[in-house]
Amino acid sequence: MKQTITVRISKELGDQIEKITKYEHVPVSDLVRESLQRYVTLRRFRQLRAKTLPFAEAQGLLTDEDVFKALK
């Protein structure tokens, strides 16, 4: 099911979006849809990371390098 959302933005932001869409030859709706999807994905990743971080730290996994070493 598709949903329509109306959002008010500043003129400056609208101008920036217009420049990007003209440069990239994409519709505004595609740019906004992709931006929202990236935002939602990043936010979800951060939530999951925050939940798992204490467990990783308890195992001594403090950096990305620690994780990669453990996976080898």
Protein backbone atom coordinates (compact mmCIF):
# COMPACT_ATOMS: atom_id res chain seq x y z
CA MET A 1 0.00 0.00 0.00
CA LYS A 2 1.46 3.33 -1.04
CA GLN A 3 1.18 6.37 1.14
CA THR A 4 1.35 10.06 0.32
CA ILE A 5 3.00 12.45 2.75
CA THR A 6 2.99 16.23 2.56
CA VAL A 7 6.00 17.98 4.06
CA ARG A 8 6.77 21.67 4.35
CA ILE A 9 10.39 22.61 3.74
CA SER A 10 12.30 25.85 3.57
CA LYS A 11 12.84 27.58 0.26
CA GLU A 12 16.57 26.99 0.62
CA LEU A 13 16.12 23.24 1.04
CA GLY A 14 13.67 23.17 -1.86
CA ASP A 15 16.19 24.98 -4.04
CA GLN A 16 18.92 22.50 -3.09
CA ILE A 17 16.65 19.56 -3.85
CA GLU A 18 15.71 21.07 -7.20
CA LYS A 19 19.38 21.50 -8.15
CA ILE A 20 20.16 17.91 -7.22
CA THR A 21 17.23 16.46 -9.12
CA LYS A 22 18.09 18.46 -12.23
CA TYR A 23 21.75 17.44 -12.04
CA GLU A 24 20.95 13.76 -11.46
CA HIS A 25 17.89 13.69 -13.76
CA VAL A 26 15.65 12.09 -11.14
CA PRO A 27 12.20 13.10 -9.92
CA VAL A 28 11.94 14.86 -6.57
CA SER A 29 9.81 12.02 -5.22
CA ASP A 30 12.58 9.49 -6.02
CA LEU A 31 15.18 11.62 -4.24
CA VAL A 32 12.99 12.09 -1.18
CA ARG A 33 11.96 8.41 -1.11
CA GLU A 34 15.60 7.27 -1.29
CA SER A 35 16.65 9.78 1.37
CA LEU A 36 13.92 8.64 3.74
CA GLN A 37 14.78 4.98 3.16
CA ARG A 38 18.44 5.64 3.96
CA TYR A 39 17.46 7.57 7.09
CA VAL A 40 15.16 4.81 8.33
CA THR A 41 17.78 2.12 7.61
CA LEU A 42 20.53 4.05 9.38
CA ARG A 43 18.30 4.74 12.37
CA ARG A 44 17.38 1.04 12.64
CA PHE A 45 21.05 0.06 12.38
CA ARG A 46 21.95 2.43 15.20
CA GLN A 47 19.16 1.02 17.37
CA LEU A 48 20.35 -2.54 16.80
CA ARG A 49 23.96 -1.54 17.39
CA ALA A 50 23.04 0.10 20.70
CA LYS A 51 21.26 -3.09 21.80
CA THR A 52 24.13 -5.39 20.89
CA LEU A 53 27.03 -3.19 21.96
CA PRO A 54 27.00 -4.28 25.62
CA PHE A 55 27.17 -7.96 24.56
CA ALA A 56 30.05 -7.27 22.17
CA GLU A 57 31.97 -5.31 24.79
CA ALA A 58 31.51 -8.16 27.27
CA GLN A 59 33.24 -10.41 24.71
CA GLY A 60 36.09 -7.93 24.27
CA LEU A 61 34.89 -6.69 20.90
CA LEU A 62 35.50 -2.97 21.18
CA THR A 63 36.34 -1.96 17.61
CA ASP A 64 35.41 -3.00 14.08
CA GLU A 65 38.88 -4.51 13.80
CA ASP A 66 38.14 -6.71 16.84
CA VAL A 67 34.99 -7.95 15.14
CA PHE A 68 36.78 -8.70 11.87
CA LYS A 69 39.50 -10.60 13.71
CA ALA A 70 36.90 -12.66 15.56
CA LEU A 71 35.16 -13.54 12.31
CA LYS A 72 38.31 -14.90 10.64
